[in-house]
Amino acid sequence: MRGGLLAVALWIALSGSASASAPALGGHYRGSVEWKGQRCQGCAELHVANDGLSFQGFYSYVSLGEHPRLPDSCAFNDGVIVGIDNVERFGDQFGIAPDGYFRGTERDKGHYARVVGRFRAGGRAVSGTLVIRERRDGCRLNARTRFRARLVGRTYPPTPGRFAECDEFYSPLQDDVAQDRTDVFDRDVGCTTARDAASHRLADAVCQHLTIGQYCAAGYLFCTPIERGEHEAAAQTRCDRGDGTSAAVEIVAWQGCRPRYDADVVAANVACQQARALAGFYMENLGGRCGGFVTCSVKGTHAASRATTTPA
């Protein structure tokens, strides 16, 4: 697939219909885009979160990027590939209504894209429209298309009683320092609510200055600092509903550090100097064998550091 992914802000549609239905929890949908009488198979792919309330994963999109009728002048234009996911910008949430409707619009100078869709057939299928108007980088395009996709599996199924990994999110990149990354783990809460709580926890001034045992409201949950996570030892925060159940969220906020050699370095509960030393150890003593975008990590009782290197 050519081009990059662009996030589309989705919000809950207010209208409903008996023909729409909730998506399959954790469902993976794959299908086609129809335009100018031709079909592009594989140009629509959607991943639903484990609670069915948002899209999850890096690879949800509706695209004209591989369509046979796409003009050559638009073949490498980012605007013809509309990414629908949770991780493009810090703290974004993308909603699916309880009745299965979703919609979103993206506007930029010379660019307009709109997605409207609904899940149907008891959550076994999804269909909708994609409208793109593009006037950038030599591309002149006015396209109104239809997309259809069917349930082909469950990438992120619910895991009752066990922690599940939700989409991470990142702070903006600054001065070539590795981006601050936040990992989110959910048990019987749902990734949409879990990521919303993590976003509130990191952005709210009151939540940022708590001590262990003190709580703050973060979205629909209540969060408190912790010394060590139950699922992830490096977790600094635990959130729950305050109802005494085992439903919980653990949050690991990684700090971006200055790179060491060609390694991006992040740290949790440990100083960047120590994390950089880890990167140096792997690069100098193991011949860079943690390269190829593989993460090398060392964890202590409640501390962790990671060095991710690029291929030589």
Protein backbone atom coordinates (compact mmCIF):
# COMPACT_ATOMS: atom_id res chain seq x y z
CA MET A 1 0.00 0.00 0.00
CA ARG A 2 1.46 3.31 -1.05
CA GLY A 3 1.49 6.52 0.96
CA GLY A 4 1.16 7.23 4.66
CA LEU A 5 -1.73 6.92 7.03
CA LEU A 6 -3.77 9.96 8.02
CA ALA A 7 -5.88 9.84 11.15
CA VAL A 8 -9.57 10.67 10.79
CA ALA A 9 -11.38 11.94 13.86
CA LEU A 10 -14.49 9.85 14.34
CA TRP A 11 -17.40 10.71 16.57
CA ILE A 12 -20.59 9.00 17.61
CA ALA A 13 -23.43 9.42 15.16
CA LEU A 14 -26.68 10.58 16.68
CA SER A 15 -28.95 8.80 14.26
CA GLY A 16 -29.82 5.12 14.40
CA SER A 17 -31.27 2.45 12.20
CA ALA A 18 -32.60 -1.05 12.68
CA SER A 19 -30.30 -2.25 9.89
CA ALA A 20 -27.14 -1.28 11.78
CA SER A 21 -25.66 -3.39 14.56
CA ALA A 22 -22.76 -3.35 16.99
CA PRO A 23 -19.42 -4.64 15.65
CA ALA A 24 -17.82 -7.90 16.71
CA LEU A 25 -15.68 -7.24 19.79
CA GLY A 26 -12.07 -7.23 18.65
CA GLY A 27 -13.21 -7.89 15.08
CA HIS A 28 -10.96 -7.75 12.02
CA TYR A 29 -12.77 -6.71 8.82
CA ARG A 30 -11.31 -6.86 5.32
CA GLY A 31 -12.89 -5.83 2.03
CA SER A 32 -12.92 -3.58 -1.02
CA VAL A 33 -13.51 -0.06 -2.29
CA GLU A 34 -15.71 0.45 -5.38
CA TRP A 35 -15.10 3.47 -7.61
CA LYS A 36 -15.77 4.23 -11.27
CA GLY A 37 -17.19 0.76 -11.82
CA GLN A 38 -14.11 -1.06 -10.57
CA ARG A 39 -13.33 -2.73 -7.28
CA CYS A 40 -10.08 -2.52 -5.33
CA GLN A 41 -9.88 -5.67 -3.22
CA GLY A 42 -7.99 -5.22 0.04
CA CYS A 43 -8.42 -1.44 0.03
CA ALA A 44 -10.57 -1.48 3.19
CA GLU A 45 -9.38 -2.96 6.47
CA LEU A 46 -10.72 -2.22 9.95
CA HIS A 47 -9.71 -3.48 13.40
CA VAL A 48 -12.16 -2.98 16.28
CA ALA A 49 -11.11 -2.63 19.91
CA ASN A 50 -11.93 -5.37 22.43
CA ASP A 51 -14.93 -3.39 23.72
CA GLY A 52 -16.37 -2.52 20.29
CA LEU A 53 -16.36 1.23 21.03
CA SER A 54 -13.40 2.36 18.93
CA PHE A 55 -10.98 1.30 16.22
CA GLN A 56 -7.70 -0.22 17.30
CA GLY A 57 -4.38 -0.98 15.71
CA PHE A 58 -2.04 0.66 13.23
CA TYR A 59 -3.63 -0.84 10.15
CA SER A 60 -7.23 0.35 9.95
CA TYR A 61 -7.84 2.25 6.72
CA VAL A 62 -10.02 2.93 3.70
CA SER A 63 -7.89 3.66 0.65
CA LEU A 64 -7.75 4.52 -3.02
CA GLY A 65 -3.97 4.07 -3.00
CA GLU A 66 -4.04 0.82 -5.00
CA HIS A 67 -7.21 1.43 -7.00
CA PRO A 68 -6.72 0.77 -10.74
CA ARG A 69 -8.55 3.98 -11.72
CA LEU A 70 -6.44 6.27 -9.53
CA PRO A 71 -4.63 8.86 -11.70
CA ASP A 72 -0.85 8.56 -11.81
CA SER A 73 -0.55 12.11 -10.48
CA CYS A 74 -2.19 10.94 -7.23
CA ALA A 75 -0.45 7.57 -6.89
CA PHE A 76 1.91 8.65 -4.11
CA ASN A 77 -0.31 11.24 -2.44
CA ASP A 78 -1.00 10.66 1.26
CA GLY A 79 -4.48 12.10 0.97
CA VAL A 80 -5.89 9.09 -0.93
CA ILE A 81 -5.24 6.75 2.02
CA VAL A 82 -7.44 7.51 5.01
CA GLY A 83 -6.20 5.82 8.16
CA ILE A 84 -8.69 5.12 10.95
CA ASP A 85 -6.83 4.22 14.11
CA ASN A 86 -5.96 5.29 17.63
CA VAL A 87 -2.28 6.02 17.60
CA GLU A 88 -1.52 8.84 15.17
CA ARG A 89 -1.85 11.67 17.68
CA PHE A 90 -1.45 11.97 21.44
CA GLY A 91 -4.52 10.83 23.33
CA ASP A 92 -7.01 10.68 20.45
CA GLN A 93 -10.07 8.46 20.74
CA PHE A 94 -12.15 7.31 17.77
CA GLY A 95 -15.74 6.36 18.51
CA ILE A 96 -18.14 3.70 17.27
CA ALA A 97 -21.73 4.25 18.40
CA PRO A 98 -23.46 1.40 20.29
CA ASP A 99 -25.66 0.84 17.22
CA GLY A 100 -22.60 0.45 14.98
CA TYR A 101 -22.47 3.82 13.22
CA PHE A 102 -19.26 5.83 12.79
CA ARG A 103 -18.27 8.87 10.80
CA GLY A 104 -15.41 11.34 10.55
CA THR A 105 -14.07 14.26 8.57
CA GLU A 106 -10.55 15.51 7.94
CA ARG A 107 -9.79 18.95 6.54
CA ASP A 108 -6.50 20.50 5.58
CA LYS A 109 -5.36 23.00 2.98
CA GLY A 110 -6.08 21.37 -0.37
CA HIS A 111 -7.47 18.24 1.27
CA TYR A 112 -10.88 16.99 2.40
CA ALA A 113 -11.82 13.44 3.37
CA ARG A 114 -15.02 12.11 4.91
CA VAL A 115 -15.83 8.57 6.06
CA VAL A 116 -19.33 7.42 7.02
CA GLY A 117 -19.99 3.79 7.84
CA ARG A 118 -22.04 1.26 9.78
CA PHE A 119 -21.65 -2.28 10.97
CA ARG A 120 -24.47 -4.60 9.98
CA ALA A 121 -25.57 -8.23 9.66
CA GLY A 122 -25.14 -8.79 13.37
CA GLY A 123 -21.62 -7.36 13.28
CA ARG A 124 -20.44 -9.69 10.52
CA ALA A 125 -20.04 -6.92 7.92
CA VAL A 126 -19.38 -3.19 7.58
CA SER A 127 -20.13 -0.78 4.73
CA GLY A 128 -20.02 2.92 4.06
CA THR A 129 -18.81 5.77 1.87
CA LEU A 130 -15.49 7.53 1.44
CA VAL A 131 -15.34 11.01 -0.10
CA ILE A 132 -11.98 12.55 -1.03
CA ARG A 133 -11.24 15.94 -2.56
CA GLU A 134 -7.52 16.40 -3.09
CA ARG A 135 -5.65 19.43 -4.46
CA ARG A 136 -2.07 18.90 -3.26
CA ASP A 137 1.26 17.97 -4.83
CA GLY A 138 -0.11 17.89 -8.36
CA CYS A 139 -3.04 15.61 -7.52
CA ARG A 140 -6.49 16.79 -8.67
CA LEU A 141 -9.09 14.35 -7.40
CA ASN A 142 -12.82 14.35 -6.65
CA ALA A 143 -13.87 10.88 -5.58
CA ARG A 144 -17.00 9.48 -3.96
CA THR A 145 -16.63 5.78 -3.29
CA ARG A 146 -18.29 2.91 -1.45
CA PHE A 147 -16.50 0.40 0.74
CA ARG A 148 -17.59 -3.00 2.03
CA ALA A 149 -15.80 -5.42 4.33
CA ARG A 150 -16.57 -8.69 6.09
CA LEU A 151 -15.50 -10.09 9.42
CA VAL A 152 -12.47 -12.34 8.84
CA GLY A 153 -11.27 -12.85 12.41
CA ARG A 154 -10.78 -11.31 15.82
CA THR A 155 -7.45 -9.55 16.24
CA TYR A 156 -8.22 -8.07 19.66
CA PRO A 157 -10.82 -10.36 21.31
CA PRO A 158 -11.90 -9.75 24.92
CA THR A 159 -9.84 -11.63 27.51
CA PRO A 160 -12.05 -11.92 30.63
CA GLY A 161 -10.04 -11.95 33.85
CA ARG A 162 -6.73 -11.38 32.04
CA PHE A 163 -4.84 -8.25 31.03
CA ALA A 164 -4.86 -7.25 27.36
CA GLU A 165 -2.51 -4.82 25.63
CA CYS A 166 -4.21 -1.76 24.17
CA ASP A 167 -2.87 0.68 21.58
CA GLU A 168 0.02 2.76 22.82
CA PHE A 169 0.19 6.46 22.11
CA TYR A 170 2.98 9.00 21.81
CA SER A 171 3.81 12.58 22.66
CA PRO A 172 5.06 14.83 19.84
CA LEU A 173 8.64 14.23 18.69
CA GLN A 174 11.03 16.98 19.82
CA ASP A 175 14.73 17.63 19.12
CA ASP A 176 15.36 14.10 17.79
CA VAL A 177 14.73 12.62 21.26
CA ALA A 178 12.78 9.36 21.25
CA GLN A 179 9.07 10.07 21.65
CA ASP A 180 7.54 9.62 25.08
CA ARG A 181 5.45 6.48 24.73
CA THR A 182 2.56 5.35 26.92
CA ASP A 183 1.65 1.66 27.13
CA VAL A 184 -1.84 0.76 28.35
CA PHE A 185 -3.01 -2.63 29.69
CA ASP A 186 -6.67 -3.41 30.38
CA ARG A 187 -8.44 -6.09 32.40
CA ASP A 188 -12.22 -6.24 32.04
CA VAL A 189 -12.47 -2.48 31.42
CA GLY A 190 -12.16 -2.18 27.63
CA CYS A 191 -9.38 -0.53 25.66
CA THR A 192 -11.43 2.54 24.71
CA THR A 193 -12.10 3.43 28.34
CA ALA A 194 -8.57 2.41 29.34
CA ARG A 195 -6.87 4.68 26.80
CA ASP A 196 -9.22 7.52 27.66
CA ALA A 197 -8.25 7.18 31.33
CA ALA A 198 -4.55 7.10 30.43
CA SER A 199 -4.91 10.25 28.36
CA HIS A 200 -6.65 12.07 31.22
CA ARG A 201 -4.15 10.77 33.77
CA LEU A 202 -1.17 12.16 31.85
CA ALA A 203 -2.76 15.47 30.89
CA ASP A 204 -4.49 16.44 34.16
CA ALA A 205 -2.41 18.60 36.51
CA VAL A 206 -4.06 17.14 39.62
CA CYS A 207 -3.37 13.56 38.48
CA GLN A 208 0.27 14.37 37.79
CA HIS A 209 1.05 15.38 41.37
CA LEU A 210 -0.47 12.53 43.38
CA THR A 211 1.31 10.32 45.86
CA ILE A 212 0.69 6.61 46.35
CA GLY A 213 -2.78 6.07 47.85
CA GLN A 214 -4.22 9.30 46.46
CA TYR A 215 -6.74 9.08 43.60
CA CYS A 216 -7.90 11.35 40.79
CA ALA A 217 -10.79 11.06 38.36
CA ALA A 218 -9.55 10.15 34.88
CA GLY A 219 -12.34 9.76 32.37
CA TYR A 220 -14.66 7.05 33.70
CA LEU A 221 -12.02 5.63 36.06
CA PHE A 222 -10.08 6.58 39.18
CA CYS A 223 -6.27 6.45 39.05
CA THR A 224 -3.50 6.29 41.63
CA PRO A 225 0.31 6.01 41.49
CA ILE A 226 1.78 2.59 42.28
CA GLU A 227 5.25 1.23 42.99
CA ARG A 228 4.89 -1.87 40.83
CA GLY A 229 2.30 -3.20 38.43
CA GLU A 230 0.49 -6.50 38.74
CA HIS A 231 0.78 -7.26 35.01
CA GLU A 232 3.64 -4.95 33.96
CA ALA A 233 6.29 -4.42 36.65
CA ALA A 234 7.25 -0.99 35.27
CA ALA A 235 3.70 0.41 35.52
CA GLN A 236 3.53 3.66 37.49
CA THR A 237 -0.27 4.02 37.53
CA ARG A 238 -3.27 1.80 38.22
CA CYS A 239 -6.85 2.81 37.44
CA ASP A 240 -10.15 1.15 38.37
CA ARG A 241 -13.85 1.87 38.68
CA GLY A 242 -13.75 2.16 42.46
CA ASP A 243 -16.29 -0.64 42.78
CA GLY A 244 -14.05 -3.24 44.43
CA THR A 245 -13.94 -5.52 41.37
CA SER A 246 -10.77 -6.82 39.71
CA ALA A 247 -11.37 -4.66 36.61
CA ALA A 248 -8.26 -2.50 36.26
CA VAL A 249 -5.93 -0.59 33.95
CA GLU A 250 -2.15 -0.35 34.24
CA ILE A 251 -0.21 2.48 32.59
CA VAL A 252 3.50 2.62 31.76
CA ALA A 253 4.75 6.09 30.80
CA TRP A 254 8.08 5.73 29.00
CA GLN A 255 10.46 8.70 28.95
CA GLY A 256 12.21 9.42 25.69
CA CYS A 257 15.99 9.74 26.00
CA ARG A 258 18.75 11.03 23.78
CA PRO A 259 19.72 8.31 21.27
CA ARG A 260 22.81 6.17 21.72
CA TYR A 261 24.54 5.27 18.45
CA ASP A 262 21.66 4.41 16.12
CA ALA A 263 19.38 3.26 18.95
CA ASP A 264 16.21 4.98 20.12
CA VAL A 265 16.20 4.79 23.92
CA VAL A 266 13.26 5.05 26.34
CA ALA A 267 13.12 4.49 30.11
CA ALA A 268 10.56 3.84 32.83
CA ASN A 269 11.43 4.37 36.51
CA VAL A 270 15.11 4.55 35.64
CA ALA A 271 17.33 7.45 34.61
CA CYS A 272 18.09 8.04 30.94
CA GLN A 273 21.79 7.65 31.71
CA GLN A 274 21.21 4.04 32.75
CA ALA A 275 18.94 3.39 29.78
CA ARG A 276 21.58 4.74 27.41
CA ALA A 277 24.15 2.49 29.06
CA LEU A 278 21.92 -0.46 28.19
CA ALA A 279 21.88 0.57 24.54
CA GLY A 280 25.65 0.92 24.60
CA PHE A 281 26.05 -2.55 26.11
CA TYR A 282 24.03 -4.20 23.37
CA MET A 283 25.69 -2.25 20.60
CA GLU A 284 29.26 -2.74 21.84
CA ASN A 285 29.13 -6.26 23.30
CA LEU A 286 26.50 -8.04 21.24
CA GLY A 287 27.42 -6.60 17.88
CA GLY A 288 24.12 -4.78 17.55
CA ARG A 289 22.17 -8.04 17.46
CA CYS A 290 19.14 -6.34 18.92
CA GLY A 291 18.91 -4.44 15.62
CA GLY A 292 16.28 -4.76 12.92
CA PHE A 293 13.73 -2.78 14.93
CA VAL A 294 13.84 -5.42 17.69
CA THR A 295 13.59 -4.11 21.25
CA CYS A 296 16.19 -5.08 23.83
CA SER A 297 14.97 -4.59 27.38
CA VAL A 298 16.10 -5.07 30.96
CA LYS A 299 13.59 -5.03 33.83
CA GLY A 300 14.14 -4.78 37.56
CA THR A 301 11.65 -4.97 40.41
CA HIS A 302 9.79 -1.90 39.20
CA ALA A 303 12.07 -0.35 36.61
CA ALA A 304 12.64 -0.97 32.92
CA SER A 305 14.62 0.42 30.04
CA ARG A 306 14.46 -0.33 26.34
CA ALA A 307 16.77 0.29 23.41
CA THR A 308 15.33 -0.14 19.94
CA THR A 309 17.88 -0.07 17.15
CA THR A 310 17.51 0.36 13.43
CA PRO A 311 19.09 -2.08 10.94
CA ALA A 312 22.73 -1.53 10.05
